[in-house]
Amino acid sequence: MWFVNLALRRPYTFVVIALLIFIFGFASAIKSPKDALPNINVPVISVIWSYEGLTASDMEKSVTTFSEISMSTTVN
């Protein structure tokens, strides 16, 4: 109730505060970035498997698939 009494006693103060909130809100909305998908630096790990004598399909079936599964389940 004291807040209402203060607003009734000093109406110009509350008008100025409301205008400042509006101006600063409008200025921050203009200056804030509007990109829907901002650039995010995601950590990346690269693993290179070298196995002599296997074809690409055999390498995929026997080594790469299992290592991808094991790495994706253990990384947070």
PDB file of N, CA and C in Angstrom:
ATOM      1  N   MET A   1       0.817  -1.191   0.000  1.00  0.00           N
ATOM      2  CA  MET A   1       0.000   0.000   0.000  1.00  0.00           C
ATOM      3  C   MET A   1       0.863   1.258   0.000  1.00  0.00           C
ATOM      4  N   TRP A   2       2.031   1.171   0.616  1.00  0.00           N
ATOM      5  CA  TRP A   2       2.901   2.340   0.671  1.00  0.00           C
ATOM      6  C   TRP A   2       3.378   2.727  -0.722  1.00  0.00           C
ATOM      7  N   PHE A   3       3.490   1.734  -1.614  1.00  0.00           N
ATOM      8  CA  PHE A   3       3.939   2.006  -2.975  1.00  0.00           C
ATOM      9  C   PHE A   3       2.897   2.836  -3.730  1.00  0.00           C
ATOM     10  N   VAL A   4       1.642   2.526  -3.526  1.00  0.00           N
ATOM     11  CA  VAL A   4       0.561   3.286  -4.176  1.00  0.00           C
ATOM     12  C   VAL A   4       0.513   4.703  -3.623  1.00  0.00           C
ATOM     13  N   ASN A   5       0.661   4.846  -2.313  1.00  0.00           N
ATOM     14  CA  ASN A   5       0.675   6.180  -1.714  1.00  0.00           C
ATOM     15  C   ASN A   5       1.840   7.019  -2.236  1.00  0.00           C
ATOM     16  N   LEU A   6       2.993   6.400  -2.378  1.00  0.00           N
ATOM     17  CA  LEU A   6       4.148   7.106  -2.919  1.00  0.00           C
ATOM     18  C   LEU A   6       3.896   7.516  -4.368  1.00  0.00           C
ATOM     19  N   ALA A   7       3.305   6.651  -5.152  1.00  0.00           N
ATOM     20  CA  ALA A   7       3.007   6.974  -6.552  1.00  0.00           C
ATOM     21  C   ALA A   7       1.977   8.096  -6.659  1.00  0.00           C
ATOM     22  N   LEU A   8       1.040   8.147  -5.741  1.00  0.00           N
ATOM     23  CA  LEU A   8       0.041   9.227  -5.777  1.00  0.00           C
ATOM     24  C   LEU A   8       0.633  10.560  -5.322  1.00  0.00           C
ATOM     25  N   ARG A   9       1.582  10.498  -4.398  1.00  0.00           N
ATOM     26  CA  ARG A   9       2.217  11.736  -3.935  1.00  0.00           C
ATOM     27  C   ARG A   9       3.226  12.276  -4.937  1.00  0.00           C
ATOM     28  N   ARG A  10       3.911  11.406  -5.674  1.00  0.00           N
ATOM     29  CA  ARG A  10       4.952  11.823  -6.620  1.00  0.00           C
ATOM     30  C   ARG A  10       4.690  11.199  -7.993  1.00  0.00           C
ATOM     31  N   PRO A  11       3.697  11.681  -8.703  1.00  0.00           N
ATOM     32  CA  PRO A  11       3.348  11.057  -9.994  1.00  0.00           C
ATOM     33  C   PRO A  11       4.408  11.295 -11.070  1.00  0.00           C
ATOM     34  N   TYR A  12       5.082  12.431 -11.062  1.00  0.00           N
ATOM     35  CA  TYR A  12       6.080  12.709 -12.095  1.00  0.00           C
ATOM     36  C   TYR A  12       7.284  11.770 -11.982  1.00  0.00           C
ATOM     37  N   THR A  13       7.611  11.399 -10.778  1.00  0.00           N
ATOM     38  CA  THR A  13       8.717  10.466 -10.580  1.00  0.00           C
ATOM     39  C   THR A  13       8.418   9.129 -11.254  1.00  0.00           C
ATOM     40  N   PHE A  14       7.211   8.645 -11.098  1.00  0.00           N
ATOM     41  CA  PHE A  14       6.851   7.364 -11.689  1.00  0.00           C
ATOM     42  C   PHE A  14       6.688   7.452 -13.197  1.00  0.00           C
ATOM     43  N   VAL A  15       6.297   8.600 -13.706  1.00  0.00           N
ATOM     44  CA  VAL A  15       6.236   8.786 -15.152  1.00  0.00           C
ATOM     45  C   VAL A  15       7.644   8.766 -15.735  1.00  0.00           C
ATOM     46  N   VAL A  16       8.574   9.433 -15.074  1.00  0.00           N
ATOM     47  CA  VAL A  16       9.959   9.446 -15.540  1.00  0.00           C
ATOM     48  C   VAL A  16      10.562   8.044 -15.470  1.00  0.00           C
ATOM     49  N   ILE A  17      10.299   7.318 -14.406  1.00  0.00           N
ATOM     50  CA  ILE A  17      10.813   5.948 -14.282  1.00  0.00           C
ATOM     51  C   ILE A  17      10.247   5.064 -15.382  1.00  0.00           C
ATOM     52  N   ALA A  18       8.955   5.202 -15.667  1.00  0.00           N
ATOM     53  CA  ALA A  18       8.334   4.404 -16.729  1.00  0.00           C
ATOM     54  C   ALA A  18       8.937   4.746 -18.089  1.00  0.00           C
ATOM     55  N   LEU A  19       9.197   6.027 -18.343  1.00  0.00           N
ATOM     56  CA  LEU A  19       9.811   6.429 -19.607  1.00  0.00           C
ATOM     57  C   LEU A  19      11.242   5.901 -19.726  1.00  0.00           C
ATOM     58  N   LEU A  20      11.999   5.942 -18.634  1.00  0.00           N
ATOM     59  CA  LEU A  20      13.357   5.406 -18.662  1.00  0.00           C
ATOM     60  C   LEU A  20      13.368   3.903 -18.919  1.00  0.00           C
ATOM     61  N   ILE A  21      12.455   3.191 -18.308  1.00  0.00           N
ATOM     62  CA  ILE A  21      12.362   1.746 -18.552  1.00  0.00           C
ATOM     63  C   ILE A  21      12.028   1.480 -20.014  1.00  0.00           C
ATOM     64  N   PHE A  22      11.123   2.268 -20.588  1.00  0.00           N
ATOM     65  CA  PHE A  22      10.759   2.102 -21.985  1.00  0.00           C
ATOM     66  C   PHE A  22      11.940   2.417 -22.908  1.00  0.00           C
ATOM     67  N   ILE A  23      12.639   3.502 -22.644  1.00  0.00           N
ATOM     68  CA  ILE A  23      13.763   3.908 -23.500  1.00  0.00           C
ATOM     69  C   ILE A  23      14.897   2.894 -23.426  1.00  0.00           C
ATOM     70  N   PHE A  24      15.274   2.487 -22.209  1.00  0.00           N
ATOM     71  CA  PHE A  24      16.357   1.510 -22.076  1.00  0.00           C
ATOM     72  C   PHE A  24      15.966   0.146 -22.626  1.00  0.00           C
ATOM     73  N   GLY A  25      14.713  -0.232 -22.477  1.00  0.00           N
ATOM     74  CA  GLY A  25      14.252  -1.499 -23.058  1.00  0.00           C
ATOM     75  C   GLY A  25      14.290  -1.474 -24.572  1.00  0.00           C
ATOM     76  N   PHE A  26      13.875  -0.365 -25.172  1.00  0.00           N
ATOM     77  CA  PHE A  26      13.907  -0.218 -26.620  1.00  0.00           C
ATOM     78  C   PHE A  26      15.347  -0.202 -27.129  1.00  0.00           C
ATOM     79  N   ALA A  27      16.235   0.491 -26.427  1.00  0.00           N
ATOM     80  CA  ALA A  27      17.640   0.546 -26.830  1.00  0.00           C
ATOM     81  C   ALA A  27      18.300  -0.822 -26.724  1.00  0.00           C
ATOM     82  N   SER A  28      17.998  -1.580 -25.692  1.00  0.00           N
ATOM     83  CA  SER A  28      18.597  -2.905 -25.562  1.00  0.00           C
ATOM     84  C   SER A  28      18.030  -3.875 -26.595  1.00  0.00           C
ATOM     85  N   ALA A  29      16.776  -3.698 -26.993  1.00  0.00           N
ATOM     86  CA  ALA A  29      16.199  -4.553 -28.032  1.00  0.00           C
ATOM     87  C   ALA A  29      16.838  -4.274 -29.385  1.00  0.00           C
ATOM     88  N   ILE A  30      17.201  -3.035 -29.632  1.00  0.00           N
ATOM     89  CA  ILE A  30      17.849  -2.693 -30.899  1.00  0.00           C
ATOM     90  C   ILE A  30      19.285  -3.206 -30.929  1.00  0.00           C
ATOM     91  N   LYS A  31      20.005  -3.101 -29.812  1.00  0.00           N
ATOM     92  CA  LYS A  31      21.417  -3.485 -29.780  1.00  0.00           C
ATOM     93  C   LYS A  31      21.636  -4.982 -29.620  1.00  0.00           C
ATOM     94  N   SER A  32      20.634  -5.725 -29.193  1.00  0.00           N
ATOM     95  CA  SER A  32      20.833  -7.155 -28.984  1.00  0.00           C
ATOM     96  C   SER A  32      20.904  -7.873 -30.329  1.00  0.00           C
ATOM     97  N   PRO A  33      21.727  -8.937 -30.418  1.00  0.00           N
ATOM     98  CA  PRO A  33      21.849  -9.664 -31.686  1.00  0.00           C
ATOM     99  C   PRO A  33      20.557 -10.388 -32.026  1.00  0.00           C
ATOM    100  N   LYS A  34      20.252 -10.439 -33.313  1.00  0.00           N
ATOM    101  CA  LYS A  34      18.984 -11.006 -33.759  1.00  0.00           C
ATOM    102  C   LYS A  34      19.155 -12.342 -34.481  1.00  0.00           C
ATOM    103  N   ASP A  35      20.323 -12.949 -34.402  1.00  0.00           N
ATOM    104  CA  ASP A  35      20.586 -14.181 -35.118  1.00  0.00           C
ATOM    105  C   ASP A  35      19.830 -15.331 -34.461  1.00  0.00           C
ATOM    106  N   ALA A  36      19.133 -16.118 -35.265  1.00  0.00           N
ATOM    107  CA  ALA A  36      18.380 -17.246 -34.727  1.00  0.00           C
ATOM    108  C   ALA A  36      19.301 -18.372 -34.287  1.00  0.00           C
ATOM    109  N   LEU A  37      20.392 -18.566 -35.011  1.00  0.00           N
ATOM    110  CA  LEU A  37      21.354 -19.599 -34.670  1.00  0.00           C
ATOM    111  C   LEU A  37      22.732 -18.971 -34.521  1.00  0.00           C
ATOM    112  N   PRO A  38      23.083 -18.541 -33.317  1.00  0.00           N
ATOM    113  CA  PRO A  38      24.385 -17.884 -33.131  1.00  0.00           C
ATOM    114  C   PRO A  38      25.536 -18.876 -33.296  1.00  0.00           C
ATOM    115  N   ASN A  39      26.718 -18.353 -33.571  1.00  0.00           N
ATOM    116  CA  ASN A  39      27.901 -19.197 -33.696  1.00  0.00           C
ATOM    117  C   ASN A  39      28.304 -19.713 -32.322  1.00  0.00           C
ATOM    118  N   ILE A  40      28.407 -21.015 -32.221  1.00  0.00           N
ATOM    119  CA  ILE A  40      28.790 -21.658 -30.968  1.00  0.00           C
ATOM    120  C   ILE A  40      30.002 -22.528 -31.256  1.00  0.00           C
ATOM    121  N   ASN A  41      31.027 -22.387 -30.468  1.00  0.00           N
ATOM    122  CA  ASN A  41      32.225 -23.209 -30.625  1.00  0.00           C
ATOM    123  C   ASN A  41      32.015 -24.543 -29.915  1.00  0.00           C
ATOM    124  N   VAL A  42      31.723 -25.577 -30.700  1.00  0.00           N
ATOM    125  CA  VAL A  42      31.492 -26.905 -30.158  1.00  0.00           C
ATOM    126  C   VAL A  42      32.801 -27.678 -30.229  1.00  0.00           C
ATOM    127  N   PRO A  43      33.206 -28.304 -29.135  1.00  0.00           N
ATOM    128  CA  PRO A  43      34.443 -29.075 -29.188  1.00  0.00           C
ATOM    129  C   PRO A  43      34.295 -30.283 -30.119  1.00  0.00           C
ATOM    130  N   VAL A  44      35.321 -30.529 -30.919  1.00  0.00           N
ATOM    131  CA  VAL A  44      35.302 -31.612 -31.899  1.00  0.00           C
ATOM    132  C   VAL A  44      36.522 -32.490 -31.676  1.00  0.00           C
ATOM    133  N   ILE A  45      36.318 -33.790 -31.800  1.00  0.00           N
ATOM    134  CA  ILE A  45      37.427 -34.731 -31.703  1.00  0.00           C
ATOM    135  C   ILE A  45      37.507 -35.490 -33.028  1.00  0.00           C
ATOM    136  N   SER A  46      38.711 -35.719 -33.494  1.00  0.00           N
ATOM    137  CA  SER A  46      38.930 -36.461 -34.739  1.00  0.00           C
ATOM    138  C   SER A  46      39.710 -37.729 -34.426  1.00  0.00           C
ATOM    139  N   VAL A  47      39.240 -38.839 -34.970  1.00  0.00           N
ATOM    140  CA  VAL A  47      39.912 -40.121 -34.793  1.00  0.00           C
ATOM    141  C   VAL A  47      40.210 -40.671 -36.182  1.00  0.00           C
ATOM    142  N   ILE A  48      41.431 -41.063 -36.407  1.00  0.00           N
ATOM    143  CA  ILE A  48      41.832 -41.619 -37.696  1.00  0.00           C
ATOM    144  C   ILE A  48      42.277 -43.065 -37.477  1.00  0.00           C
ATOM    145  N   TRP A  49      41.594 -43.974 -38.154  1.00  0.00           N
ATOM    146  CA  TRP A  49      41.933 -45.387 -38.076  1.00  0.00           C
ATOM    147  C   TRP A  49      42.707 -45.765 -39.336  1.00  0.00           C
ATOM    148  N   SER A  50      43.802 -46.443 -39.159  1.00  0.00           N
ATOM    149  CA  SER A  50      44.595 -46.934 -40.285  1.00  0.00           C
ATOM    150  C   SER A  50      44.803 -48.437 -40.092  1.00  0.00           C
ATOM    151  N   TYR A  51      44.242 -49.211 -41.001  1.00  0.00           N
ATOM    152  CA  TYR A  51      44.350 -50.671 -40.902  1.00  0.00           C
ATOM    153  C   TYR A  51      44.674 -51.193 -42.290  1.00  0.00           C
ATOM    154  N   GLU A  52      45.876 -51.725 -42.469  1.00  0.00           N
ATOM    155  CA  GLU A  52      46.339 -52.195 -43.774  1.00  0.00           C
ATOM    156  C   GLU A  52      45.613 -53.477 -44.185  1.00  0.00           C
ATOM    157  N   GLY A  53      45.224 -53.547 -45.448  1.00  0.00           N
ATOM    158  CA  GLY A  53      44.670 -54.780 -45.987  1.00  0.00           C
ATOM    159  C   GLY A  53      43.156 -54.874 -45.949  1.00  0.00           C
ATOM    160  N   LEU A  54      42.444 -53.899 -45.383  1.00  0.00           N
ATOM    161  CA  LEU A  54      40.981 -53.938 -45.357  1.00  0.00           C
ATOM    162  C   LEU A  54      40.415 -52.988 -46.398  1.00  0.00           C
ATOM    163  N   THR A  55      39.304 -53.385 -46.975  1.00  0.00           N
ATOM    164  CA  THR A  55      38.609 -52.473 -47.879  1.00  0.00           C
ATOM    165  C   THR A  55      37.833 -51.463 -47.039  1.00  0.00           C
ATOM    166  N   ALA A  56      37.317 -50.440 -47.696  1.00  0.00           N
ATOM    167  CA  ALA A  56      36.590 -49.394 -46.968  1.00  0.00           C
ATOM    168  C   ALA A  56      35.332 -49.937 -46.314  1.00  0.00           C
ATOM    169  N   SER A  57      34.606 -50.808 -46.992  1.00  0.00           N
ATOM    170  CA  SER A  57      33.379 -51.361 -46.401  1.00  0.00           C
ATOM    171  C   SER A  57      33.697 -52.279 -45.234  1.00  0.00           C
ATOM    172  N   ASP A  58      34.766 -53.076 -45.339  1.00  0.00           N
ATOM    173  CA  ASP A  58      35.165 -53.933 -44.215  1.00  0.00           C
ATOM    174  C   ASP A  58      35.615 -53.105 -43.021  1.00  0.00           C
ATOM    175  N   MET A  59      36.344 -52.028 -43.306  1.00  0.00           N
ATOM    176  CA  MET A  59      36.789 -51.125 -42.236  1.00  0.00           C
ATOM    177  C   MET A  59      35.601 -50.514 -41.528  1.00  0.00           C
ATOM    178  N   GLU A  60      34.595 -50.129 -42.309  1.00  0.00           N
ATOM    179  CA  GLU A  60      33.403 -49.533 -41.705  1.00  0.00           C
ATOM    180  C   GLU A  60      32.664 -50.539 -40.846  1.00  0.00           C
ATOM    181  N   LYS A  61      32.511 -51.758 -41.334  1.00  0.00           N
ATOM    182  CA  LYS A  61      31.745 -52.774 -40.617  1.00  0.00           C
ATOM    183  C   LYS A  61      32.452 -53.285 -39.369  1.00  0.00           C
ATOM    184  N   SER A  62      33.767 -53.434 -39.447  1.00  0.00           N
ATOM    185  CA  SER A  62      34.459 -54.081 -38.335  1.00  0.00           C
ATOM    186  C   SER A  62      35.069 -53.129 -37.318  1.00  0.00           C
ATOM    187  N   VAL A  63      35.478 -51.938 -37.721  1.00  0.00           N
ATOM    188  CA  VAL A  63      36.198 -51.061 -36.795  1.00  0.00           C
ATOM    189  C   VAL A  63      35.447 -49.763 -36.534  1.00  0.00           C
ATOM    190  N   THR A  64      35.126 -49.025 -37.585  1.00  0.00           N
ATOM    191  CA  THR A  64      34.616 -47.668 -37.437  1.00  0.00           C
ATOM    192  C   THR A  64      33.267 -47.626 -36.735  1.00  0.00           C
ATOM    193  N   THR A  65      32.349 -48.493 -37.110  1.00  0.00           N
ATOM    194  CA  THR A  65      31.008 -48.479 -36.508  1.00  0.00           C
ATOM    195  C   THR A  65      31.077 -48.712 -35.001  1.00  0.00           C
ATOM    196  N   PHE A  66      31.860 -49.693 -34.582  1.00  0.00           N
ATOM    197  CA  PHE A  66      31.945 -50.010 -33.151  1.00  0.00           C
ATOM    198  C   PHE A  66      32.649 -48.913 -32.364  1.00  0.00           C
ATOM    199  N   SER A  67      33.670 -48.308 -32.974  1.00  0.00           N
ATOM    200  CA  SER A  67      34.346 -47.223 -32.256  1.00  0.00           C
ATOM    201  C   SER A  67      33.451 -45.994 -32.154  1.00  0.00           C
ATOM    202  N   GLU A  68      32.644 -45.698 -33.189  1.00  0.00           N
ATOM    203  CA  GLU A  68      31.701 -44.573 -33.108  1.00  0.00           C
ATOM    204  C   GLU A  68      30.667 -44.811 -32.017  1.00  0.00           C
ATOM    205  N   ILE A  69      30.155 -46.016 -31.926  1.00  0.00           N
ATOM    206  CA  ILE A  69      29.159 -46.334 -30.899  1.00  0.00           C
ATOM    207  C   ILE A  69      29.770 -46.213 -29.506  1.00  0.00           C
ATOM    208  N   SER A  70      30.967 -46.758 -29.329  1.00  0.00           N
ATOM    209  CA  SER A  70      31.580 -46.711 -27.996  1.00  0.00           C
ATOM    210  C   SER A  70      31.950 -45.290 -27.595  1.00  0.00           C
ATOM    211  N   MET A  71      32.396 -44.470 -28.554  1.00  0.00           N
ATOM    212  CA  MET A  71      32.753 -43.087 -28.209  1.00  0.00           C
ATOM    213  C   MET A  71      31.525 -42.224 -27.960  1.00  0.00           C
ATOM    214  N   SER A  72      30.462 -42.453 -28.666  1.00  0.00           N
ATOM    215  CA  SER A  72      29.275 -41.615 -28.488  1.00  0.00           C
ATOM    216  C   SER A  72      28.534 -41.918 -27.199  1.00  0.00           C
ATOM    217  N   THR A  73      28.701 -43.120 -26.664  1.00  0.00           N
ATOM    218  CA  THR A  73      28.017 -43.467 -25.414  1.00  0.00           C
ATOM    219  C   THR A  73      28.809 -43.063 -24.178  1.00  0.00           C
ATOM    220  N   THR A  74      30.143 -42.861 -24.326  1.00  0.00           N
ATOM    221  CA  THR A  74      30.947 -42.535 -23.157  1.00  0.00           C
ATOM    222  C   THR A  74      31.240 -41.052 -23.017  1.00  0.00           C
ATOM    223  N   VAL A  75      30.942 -40.238 -24.018  1.00  0.00           N
ATOM    224  CA  VAL A  75      31.221 -38.809 -23.970  1.00  0.00           C
ATOM    225  C   VAL A  75      29.978 -38.072 -23.488  1.00  0.00           C
ATOM    226  N   ASN A  76      30.151 -37.148 -22.553  1.00  0.00           N
ATOM    227  CA  ASN A  76      29.021 -36.363 -22.055  1.00  0.00           C
ATOM    228  C   ASN A  76      28.675 -35.286 -23.044  1.00  0.00           C
TER     229      ASN A  76
END
